[in-house]
Full PDB file with SEQRES, HELIX, SHEET, SSBOND, CRYST1, ORIGX, SCALE, CONECT and MASTER records, all heavy atoms in Angstrom:
SEQRES   1 A   33  PRO GLY GLN GLU LEU ARG LEU GLY ASP VAL VAL LEU ARG          
SEQRES   2 A   33  VAL VAL LEU PRO THR PRO ARG CYS VAL ILE PRO GLY LEU          
SEQRES   3 A   33  SER GLN ALA GLU LEU PRO ALA                                  
HELIX    1 AA1 ILE A   23  GLY A   25  5                                   3    
SHEET    1 AA1 2 GLU A   4  LEU A   7  0                                        
SHEET    2 AA1 2 VAL A  10  ARG A  13 -1                                        
CRYST1    1.000    1.000    1.000  90.00  90.00  90.00 P 1           1          
ORIGX1      1.000000  0.000000  0.000000        0.00000                         
ORIGX2      0.000000  1.000000  0.000000        0.00000                         
ORIGX3      0.000000  0.000000  1.000000        0.00000                         
SCALE1      1.000000  0.000000  0.000000        0.00000                         
SCALE2      0.000000  1.000000  0.000000        0.00000                         
SCALE3      0.000000  0.000000  1.000000        0.00000                         
ATOM      1  N   PRO A   1     -11.207   5.848  -0.563  1.00  0.00           N  
ATOM      2  CA  PRO A   1     -10.663   7.211  -0.462  1.00  0.00           C  
ATOM      3  C   PRO A   1     -11.559   8.103   0.385  1.00  0.00           C  
ATOM      4  O   PRO A   1     -12.785   8.069   0.270  1.00  0.00           O  
ATOM      5  CB  PRO A   1     -10.622   7.678  -1.921  1.00  0.00           C  
ATOM      6  CG  PRO A   1     -10.441   6.409  -2.701  1.00  0.00           C  
ATOM      7  CD  PRO A   1     -11.273   5.374  -1.965  1.00  0.00           C  
ATOM      8  N   GLY A   2     -10.955   8.880   1.261  1.00  0.00           N  
ATOM      9  CA  GLY A   2     -11.695   9.738   2.176  1.00  0.00           C  
ATOM     10  C   GLY A   2     -11.958   9.095   3.530  1.00  0.00           C  
ATOM     11  O   GLY A   2     -12.251   9.794   4.509  1.00  0.00           O  
ATOM     12  N   GLN A   3     -11.853   7.777   3.626  1.00  0.00           N  
ATOM     13  CA  GLN A   3     -12.111   7.085   4.880  1.00  0.00           C  
ATOM     14  C   GLN A   3     -10.964   7.315   5.854  1.00  0.00           C  
ATOM     15  O   GLN A   3      -9.798   7.316   5.471  1.00  0.00           O  
ATOM     16  CB  GLN A   3     -12.279   5.581   4.625  1.00  0.00           C  
ATOM     17  CG  GLN A   3     -12.633   4.767   5.854  1.00  0.00           C  
ATOM     18  CD  GLN A   3     -12.870   3.302   5.523  1.00  0.00           C  
ATOM     19  OE1 GLN A   3     -13.014   2.939   4.354  1.00  0.00           O  
ATOM     20  NE2 GLN A   3     -12.903   2.459   6.543  1.00  0.00           N  
ATOM     21  N   GLU A   4     -11.296   7.518   7.127  1.00  0.00           N  
ATOM     22  CA  GLU A   4     -10.282   7.650   8.162  1.00  0.00           C  
ATOM     23  C   GLU A   4     -10.163   6.342   8.928  1.00  0.00           C  
ATOM     24  O   GLU A   4     -11.165   5.732   9.306  1.00  0.00           O  
ATOM     25  CB  GLU A   4     -10.612   8.800   9.114  1.00  0.00           C  
ATOM     26  CG  GLU A   4     -10.406  10.162   8.478  1.00  0.00           C  
ATOM     27  CD  GLU A   4     -10.358  11.292   9.492  1.00  0.00           C  
ATOM     28  OE1 GLU A   4     -10.637  11.042  10.689  1.00  0.00           O  
ATOM     29  OE2 GLU A   4     -10.034  12.425   9.099  1.00  0.00           O  
ATOM     30  N   LEU A   5      -8.920   5.921   9.142  1.00  0.00           N  
ATOM     31  CA  LEU A   5      -8.614   4.712   9.894  1.00  0.00           C  
ATOM     32  C   LEU A   5      -7.980   5.114  11.206  1.00  0.00           C  
ATOM     33  O   LEU A   5      -6.977   5.832  11.230  1.00  0.00           O  
ATOM     34  CB  LEU A   5      -7.653   3.823   9.108  1.00  0.00           C  
ATOM     35  CG  LEU A   5      -8.058   3.455   7.670  1.00  0.00           C  
ATOM     36  CD1 LEU A   5      -6.963   2.612   7.030  1.00  0.00           C  
ATOM     37  CD2 LEU A   5      -9.390   2.734   7.638  1.00  0.00           C  
ATOM     38  N   ARG A   6      -8.563   4.647  12.303  1.00  0.00           N  
ATOM     39  CA  ARG A   6      -8.039   4.948  13.629  1.00  0.00           C  
ATOM     40  C   ARG A   6      -7.364   3.697  14.181  1.00  0.00           C  
ATOM     41  O   ARG A   6      -8.009   2.671  14.365  1.00  0.00           O  
ATOM     42  CB  ARG A   6      -9.156   5.432  14.554  1.00  0.00           C  
ATOM     43  CG  ARG A   6      -9.787   6.719  14.053  1.00  0.00           C  
ATOM     44  CD  ARG A   6     -10.880   7.252  14.954  1.00  0.00           C  
ATOM     45  NE  ARG A   6     -11.389   8.513  14.430  1.00  0.00           N  
ATOM     46  CZ  ARG A   6     -10.873   9.706  14.724  1.00  0.00           C  
ATOM     47  NH1 ARG A   6      -9.863   9.778  15.588  1.00  0.00           N  
ATOM     48  NH2 ARG A   6     -11.364  10.800  14.202  1.00  0.00           N  
ATOM     49  N   LEU A   7      -6.070   3.824  14.419  1.00  0.00           N  
ATOM     50  CA  LEU A   7      -5.256   2.717  14.893  1.00  0.00           C  
ATOM     51  C   LEU A   7      -4.627   3.137  16.216  1.00  0.00           C  
ATOM     52  O   LEU A   7      -3.506   3.645  16.251  1.00  0.00           O  
ATOM     53  CB  LEU A   7      -4.167   2.360  13.873  1.00  0.00           C  
ATOM     54  CG  LEU A   7      -4.631   2.115  12.433  1.00  0.00           C  
ATOM     55  CD1 LEU A   7      -4.498   3.411  11.616  1.00  0.00           C  
ATOM     56  CD2 LEU A   7      -3.815   1.028  11.758  1.00  0.00           C  
ATOM     57  N   GLY A   8      -5.369   2.996  17.301  1.00  0.00           N  
ATOM     58  CA  GLY A   8      -4.914   3.534  18.577  1.00  0.00           C  
ATOM     59  C   GLY A   8      -4.847   5.044  18.489  1.00  0.00           C  
ATOM     60  O   GLY A   8      -5.823   5.709  18.145  1.00  0.00           O  
ATOM     61  N   ASP A   9      -3.677   5.617  18.787  1.00  0.00           N  
ATOM     62  CA  ASP A   9      -3.505   7.066  18.719  1.00  0.00           C  
ATOM     63  C   ASP A   9      -3.344   7.565  17.289  1.00  0.00           C  
ATOM     64  O   ASP A   9      -3.510   8.762  17.029  1.00  0.00           O  
ATOM     65  CB  ASP A   9      -2.268   7.491  19.525  1.00  0.00           C  
ATOM     66  CG  ASP A   9      -2.429   7.247  21.012  1.00  0.00           C  
ATOM     67  OD1 ASP A   9      -3.579   7.234  21.484  1.00  0.00           O  
ATOM     68  OD2 ASP A   9      -1.401   7.063  21.689  1.00  0.00           O  
ATOM     69  N   VAL A  10      -3.004   6.676  16.377  1.00  0.00           N  
ATOM     70  CA  VAL A  10      -2.716   7.062  14.992  1.00  0.00           C  
ATOM     71  C   VAL A  10      -4.009   7.166  14.192  1.00  0.00           C  
ATOM     72  O   VAL A  10      -4.873   6.302  14.286  1.00  0.00           O  
ATOM     73  CB  VAL A  10      -1.762   6.045  14.330  1.00  0.00           C  
ATOM     74  CG1 VAL A  10      -1.525   6.395  12.866  1.00  0.00           C  
ATOM     75  CG2 VAL A  10      -0.448   5.975  15.090  1.00  0.00           C  
ATOM     76  N   VAL A  11      -4.109   8.232  13.402  1.00  0.00           N  
ATOM     77  CA  VAL A  11      -5.239   8.383  12.489  1.00  0.00           C  
ATOM     78  C   VAL A  11      -4.692   8.592  11.084  1.00  0.00           C  
ATOM     79  O   VAL A  11      -3.849   9.466  10.852  1.00  0.00           O  
ATOM     80  CB  VAL A  11      -6.151   9.572  12.879  1.00  0.00           C  
ATOM     81  CG1 VAL A  11      -7.317   9.687  11.893  1.00  0.00           C  
ATOM     82  CG2 VAL A  11      -6.671   9.406  14.301  1.00  0.00           C  
ATOM     83  N   LEU A  12      -5.157   7.760  10.151  1.00  0.00           N  
ATOM     84  CA  LEU A  12      -4.767   7.863   8.748  1.00  0.00           C  
ATOM     85  C   LEU A  12      -5.994   8.192   7.917  1.00  0.00           C  
ATOM     86  O   LEU A  12      -7.095   7.723   8.208  1.00  0.00           O  
ATOM     87  CB  LEU A  12      -4.162   6.542   8.252  1.00  0.00           C  
ATOM     88  CG  LEU A  12      -2.978   5.969   9.036  1.00  0.00           C  
ATOM     89  CD1 LEU A  12      -2.569   4.629   8.450  1.00  0.00           C  
ATOM     90  CD2 LEU A  12      -1.808   6.935   9.042  1.00  0.00           C  
ATOM     91  N   ARG A  13      -5.797   8.984   6.863  1.00  0.00           N  
ATOM     92  CA  ARG A  13      -6.887   9.267   5.914  1.00  0.00           C  
ATOM     93  C   ARG A  13      -6.499   8.718   4.545  1.00  0.00           C  
ATOM     94  O   ARG A  13      -5.463   9.071   3.996  1.00  0.00           O  
ATOM     95  CB  ARG A  13      -7.165  10.769   5.809  1.00  0.00           C  
ATOM     96  CG  ARG A  13      -8.316  11.080   4.827  1.00  0.00           C  
ATOM     97  CD  ARG A  13      -8.601  12.565   4.750  1.00  0.00           C  
ATOM     98  NE  ARG A  13      -9.101  13.094   6.000  1.00  0.00           N  
ATOM     99  CZ  ARG A  13      -8.499  14.043   6.720  1.00  0.00           C  
ATOM    100  NH1 ARG A  13      -7.350  14.570   6.284  1.00  0.00           N  
ATOM    101  NH2 ARG A  13      -9.010  14.473   7.840  1.00  0.00           N  
ATOM    102  N   VAL A  14      -7.342   7.845   4.025  1.00  0.00           N  
ATOM    103  CA  VAL A  14      -7.074   7.236   2.729  1.00  0.00           C  
ATOM    104  C   VAL A  14      -7.226   8.294   1.646  1.00  0.00           C  
ATOM    105  O   VAL A  14      -8.206   9.050   1.629  1.00  0.00           O  
ATOM    106  CB  VAL A  14      -8.023   6.044   2.481  1.00  0.00           C  
ATOM    107  CG1 VAL A  14      -7.784   5.439   1.108  1.00  0.00           C  
ATOM    108  CG2 VAL A  14      -7.831   4.992   3.570  1.00  0.00           C  
ATOM    109  N   VAL A  15      -6.248   8.343   0.731  1.00  0.00           N  
ATOM    110  CA  VAL A  15      -6.230   9.373  -0.297  1.00  0.00           C  
ATOM    111  C   VAL A  15      -6.617   8.810  -1.661  1.00  0.00           C  
ATOM    112  O   VAL A  15      -7.559   9.298  -2.294  1.00  0.00           O  
ATOM    113  CB  VAL A  15      -4.830  10.032  -0.393  1.00  0.00           C  
ATOM    114  CG1 VAL A  15      -4.842  11.169  -1.413  1.00  0.00           C  
ATOM    115  CG2 VAL A  15      -4.379  10.548   0.960  1.00  0.00           C  
ATOM    116  N   LEU A  16      -5.897   7.804  -2.116  1.00  0.00           N  
ATOM    117  CA  LEU A  16      -6.090   7.266  -3.465  1.00  0.00           C  
ATOM    118  C   LEU A  16      -5.805   5.774  -3.477  1.00  0.00           C  
ATOM    119  O   LEU A  16      -5.011   5.281  -2.667  1.00  0.00           O  
ATOM    120  CB  LEU A  16      -5.109   7.915  -4.461  1.00  0.00           C  
ATOM    121  CG  LEU A  16      -5.265   9.375  -4.850  1.00  0.00           C  
ATOM    122  CD1 LEU A  16      -4.090   9.770  -5.744  1.00  0.00           C  
ATOM    123  CD2 LEU A  16      -6.583   9.615  -5.568  1.00  0.00           C  
ATOM    124  N   PRO A  17      -6.396   5.032  -4.426  1.00  0.00           N  
ATOM    125  CA  PRO A  17      -5.881   3.688  -4.705  1.00  0.00           C  
ATOM    126  C   PRO A  17      -4.476   3.809  -5.297  1.00  0.00           C  
ATOM    127  O   PRO A  17      -4.123   4.853  -5.864  1.00  0.00           O  
ATOM    128  CB  PRO A  17      -6.881   3.133  -5.718  1.00  0.00           C  
ATOM    129  CG  PRO A  17      -7.500   4.329  -6.359  1.00  0.00           C  
ATOM    130  CD  PRO A  17      -7.519   5.403  -5.308  1.00  0.00           C  
ATOM    131  N   THR A  18      -3.672   2.777  -5.148  1.00  0.00           N  
ATOM    132  CA  THR A  18      -2.264   2.828  -5.539  1.00  0.00           C  
ATOM    133  C   THR A  18      -2.052   2.309  -6.959  1.00  0.00           C  
ATOM    134  O   THR A  18      -2.175   1.108  -7.199  1.00  0.00           O  
ATOM    135  CB  THR A  18      -1.410   1.982  -4.570  1.00  0.00           C  
ATOM    136  OG1 THR A  18      -1.670   2.396  -3.226  1.00  0.00           O  
ATOM    137  CG2 THR A  18       0.066   2.142  -4.886  1.00  0.00           C  
ATOM    138  N   PRO A  19      -1.719   3.182  -7.917  1.00  0.00           N  
ATOM    139  CA  PRO A  19      -1.385   2.709  -9.268  1.00  0.00           C  
ATOM    140  C   PRO A  19      -0.118   1.863  -9.209  1.00  0.00           C  
ATOM    141  O   PRO A  19       0.832   2.199  -8.503  1.00  0.00           O  
ATOM    142  CB  PRO A  19      -1.154   3.996 -10.058  1.00  0.00           C  
ATOM    143  CG  PRO A  19      -1.856   5.068  -9.269  1.00  0.00           C  
ATOM    144  CD  PRO A  19      -1.702   4.655  -7.835  1.00  0.00           C  
ATOM    145  N   ARG A  20      -0.098   0.769  -9.969  1.00  0.00           N  
ATOM    146  CA  ARG A  20       1.017  -0.156  -9.883  1.00  0.00           C  
ATOM    147  C   ARG A  20       1.971  -0.019 -11.061  1.00  0.00           C  
ATOM    148  O   ARG A  20       1.575   0.389 -12.162  1.00  0.00           O  
ATOM    149  CB  ARG A  20       0.532  -1.611  -9.831  1.00  0.00           C  
ATOM    150  CG  ARG A  20      -0.449  -1.943  -8.734  1.00  0.00           C  
ATOM    151  CD  ARG A  20      -0.181  -1.457  -7.349  1.00  0.00           C  
ATOM    152  NE  ARG A  20       1.153  -1.538  -6.823  1.00  0.00           N  
ATOM    153  CZ  ARG A  20       1.436  -1.426  -5.526  1.00  0.00           C  
ATOM    154  NH1 ARG A  20       0.458  -1.221  -4.648  1.00  0.00           N  
ATOM    155  NH2 ARG A  20       2.672  -1.479  -5.113  1.00  0.00           N  
ATOM    156  N   CYS A  21       3.242  -0.364 -10.798  1.00  0.00           N  
ATOM    157  CA  CYS A  21       4.306  -0.310 -11.797  1.00  0.00           C  
ATOM    158  C   CYS A  21       4.802  -1.733 -12.045  1.00  0.00           C  
ATOM    159  O   CYS A  21       4.110  -2.709 -11.759  1.00  0.00           O  
ATOM    160  CB  CYS A  21       5.423   0.601 -11.310  1.00  0.00           C  
ATOM    161  SG  CYS A  21       6.162   0.025  -9.754  1.00  0.00           S  
ATOM    162  N   VAL A  22       6.020  -1.873 -12.548  1.00  0.00           N  
ATOM    163  CA  VAL A  22       6.556  -3.205 -12.851  1.00  0.00           C  
ATOM    164  C   VAL A  22       6.998  -3.968 -11.602  1.00  0.00           C  
ATOM    165  O   VAL A  22       7.146  -5.195 -11.643  1.00  0.00           O  
ATOM    166  CB  VAL A  22       7.767  -3.118 -13.816  1.00  0.00           C  
ATOM    167  CG1 VAL A  22       7.352  -2.538 -15.150  1.00  0.00           C  
ATOM    168  CG2 VAL A  22       8.911  -2.316 -13.202  1.00  0.00           C  
ATOM    169  N   ILE A  23       7.217  -3.295 -10.477  1.00  0.00           N  
ATOM    170  CA  ILE A  23       7.875  -3.914  -9.332  1.00  0.00           C  
ATOM    171  C   ILE A  23       7.165  -5.159  -8.795  1.00  0.00           C  
ATOM    172  O   ILE A  23       7.830  -6.142  -8.448  1.00  0.00           O  
ATOM    173  CB  ILE A  23       8.113  -2.875  -8.217  1.00  0.00           C  
ATOM    174  CG1 ILE A  23       9.177  -1.863  -8.676  1.00  0.00           C  
ATOM    175  CG2 ILE A  23       8.550  -3.541  -6.921  1.00  0.00           C  
ATOM    176  CD1 ILE A  23       9.471  -0.757  -7.681  1.00  0.00           C  
ATOM    177  N   PRO A  24       5.812  -5.208  -8.701  1.00  0.00           N  
ATOM    178  CA  PRO A  24       5.201  -6.426  -8.163  1.00  0.00           C  
ATOM    179  C   PRO A  24       5.536  -7.700  -8.944  1.00  0.00           C  
ATOM    180  O   PRO A  24       5.461  -8.799  -8.383  1.00  0.00           O  
ATOM    181  CB  PRO A  24       3.696  -6.118  -8.238  1.00  0.00           C  
ATOM    182  CG  PRO A  24       3.628  -4.635  -8.145  1.00  0.00           C  
ATOM    183  CD  PRO A  24       4.812  -4.137  -8.907  1.00  0.00           C  
ATOM    184  N   GLY A  25       5.914  -7.569 -10.206  1.00  0.00           N  
ATOM    185  CA  GLY A  25       6.253  -8.740 -10.996  1.00  0.00           C  
ATOM    186  C   GLY A  25       7.713  -9.136 -10.942  1.00  0.00           C  
ATOM    187  O   GLY A  25       8.101 -10.182 -11.484  1.00  0.00           O  
ATOM    188  N   LEU A  26       8.565  -8.331 -10.275  1.00  0.00           N  
ATOM    189  CA  LEU A  26      10.000  -8.591 -10.242  1.00  0.00           C  
ATOM    190  C   LEU A  26      10.377  -9.566  -9.130  1.00  0.00           C  
ATOM    191  O   LEU A  26       9.646  -9.749  -8.160  1.00  0.00           O  
ATOM    192  CB  LEU A  26      10.761  -7.275 -10.022  1.00  0.00           C  
ATOM    193  CG  LEU A  26      10.584  -6.167 -11.065  1.00  0.00           C  
ATOM    194  CD1 LEU A  26      11.405  -4.951 -10.659  1.00  0.00           C  
ATOM    195  CD2 LEU A  26      10.979  -6.652 -12.455  1.00  0.00           C  
ATOM    196  N   SER A  27      11.550 -10.167  -9.277  1.00  0.00           N  
ATOM    197  CA  SER A  27      12.128 -10.976  -8.213  1.00  0.00           C  
ATOM    198  C   SER A  27      12.506 -10.063  -7.051  1.00  0.00           C  
ATOM    199  O   SER A  27      13.155  -9.034  -7.250  1.00  0.00           O  
ATOM    200  CB  SER A  27      13.358 -11.705  -8.742  1.00  0.00           C  
ATOM    201  OG  SER A  27      14.041 -12.353  -7.699  1.00  0.00           O  
ATOM    202  N   GLN A  28      12.080 -10.440  -5.845  1.00  0.00           N  
ATOM    203  CA  GLN A  28      12.372  -9.630  -4.659  1.00  0.00           C  
ATOM    204  C   GLN A  28      12.708 -10.547  -3.495  1.00  0.00           C  
ATOM    205  O   GLN A  28      11.871 -11.339  -3.073  1.00  0.00           O  
ATOM    206  CB  GLN A  28      11.171  -8.771  -4.266  1.00  0.00           C  
ATOM    207  CG  GLN A  28      10.671  -7.835  -5.342  1.00  0.00           C  
ATOM    208  CD  GLN A  28       9.482  -7.027  -4.866  1.00  0.00           C  
ATOM    209  OE1 GLN A  28       9.462  -6.520  -3.752  1.00  0.00           O  
ATOM    210  NE2 GLN A  28       8.476  -6.900  -5.711  1.00  0.00           N  
ATOM    211  N   ALA A  29      13.923 -10.440  -2.982  1.00  0.00           N  
ATOM    212  CA  ALA A  29      14.365 -11.276  -1.859  1.00  0.00           C  
ATOM    213  C   ALA A  29      14.069 -12.738  -2.174  1.00  0.00           C  
ATOM    214  O   ALA A  29      14.566 -13.271  -3.152  1.00  0.00           O  
ATOM    215  CB  ALA A  29      13.686 -10.808  -0.575  1.00  0.00           C  
ATOM    216  N   GLU A  30      13.211 -13.365  -1.361  1.00  0.00           N  
ATOM    217  CA  GLU A  30      12.924 -14.789  -1.572  1.00  0.00           C  
ATOM    218  C   GLU A  30      11.825 -15.020  -2.606  1.00  0.00           C  
ATOM    219  O   GLU A  30      11.505 -16.168  -2.928  1.00  0.00           O  
ATOM    220  CB  GLU A  30      12.511 -15.433  -0.242  1.00  0.00           C  
ATOM    221  CG  GLU A  30      11.135 -15.062   0.270  1.00  0.00           C  
ATOM    222  CD  GLU A  30      11.065 -13.717   0.966  1.00  0.00           C  
ATOM    223  OE1 GLU A  30      12.091 -13.010   1.010  1.00  0.00           O  
ATOM    224  OE2 GLU A  30       9.974 -13.364   1.457  1.00  0.00           O  
ATOM    225  N   LEU A  31      11.240 -13.961  -3.152  1.00  0.00           N  
ATOM    226  CA  LEU A  31      10.150 -14.105  -4.113  1.00  0.00           C  
ATOM    227  C   LEU A  31      10.692 -14.148  -5.540  1.00  0.00           C  
ATOM    228  O   LEU A  31      11.428 -13.255  -5.947  1.00  0.00           O  
ATOM    229  CB  LEU A  31       9.169 -12.935  -3.982  1.00  0.00           C  
ATOM    230  CG  LEU A  31       8.479 -12.763  -2.625  1.00  0.00           C  
ATOM    231  CD1 LEU A  31       7.666 -11.476  -2.631  1.00  0.00           C  
ATOM    232  CD2 LEU A  31       7.592 -13.961  -2.325  1.00  0.00           C  
ATOM    233  N   PRO A  32      10.313 -15.154  -6.326  1.00  0.00           N  
ATOM    234  CA  PRO A  32      10.747 -15.190  -7.727  1.00  0.00           C  
ATOM    235  C   PRO A  32       9.957 -14.198  -8.567  1.00  0.00           C  
ATOM    236  O   PRO A  32       8.879 -13.730  -8.153  1.00  0.00           O  
ATOM    237  CB  PRO A  32      10.436 -16.626  -8.145  1.00  0.00           C  
ATOM    238  CG  PRO A  32       9.257 -17.006  -7.295  1.00  0.00           C  
ATOM    239  CD  PRO A  32       9.477 -16.312  -5.972  1.00  0.00           C  
ATOM    240  N   ALA A  33      10.467 -13.867  -9.731  1.00  0.00           N  
ATOM    241  CA  ALA A  33       9.718 -13.027 -10.659  1.00  0.00           C  
ATOM    242  C   ALA A  33       8.406 -13.717 -11.028  1.00  0.00           C  
ATOM    243  O   ALA A  33       8.349 -14.935 -11.157  1.00  0.00           O  
ATOM    244  CB  ALA A  33      10.549 -12.758 -11.908  1.00  0.00           C  
TER     245      ALA A  33                                                      
MASTER        0    0    0    1    2    0    0    6  244    1    0    3          
END                                                                             
């Protein structure tokens, strides 16, 4: 958090780690639950 990432002309600033919900464990497209 706070780090800036420079990707060519694009600059991103990291804000927070991402809290996770149930979705990573669900079936998605070709991925099984």
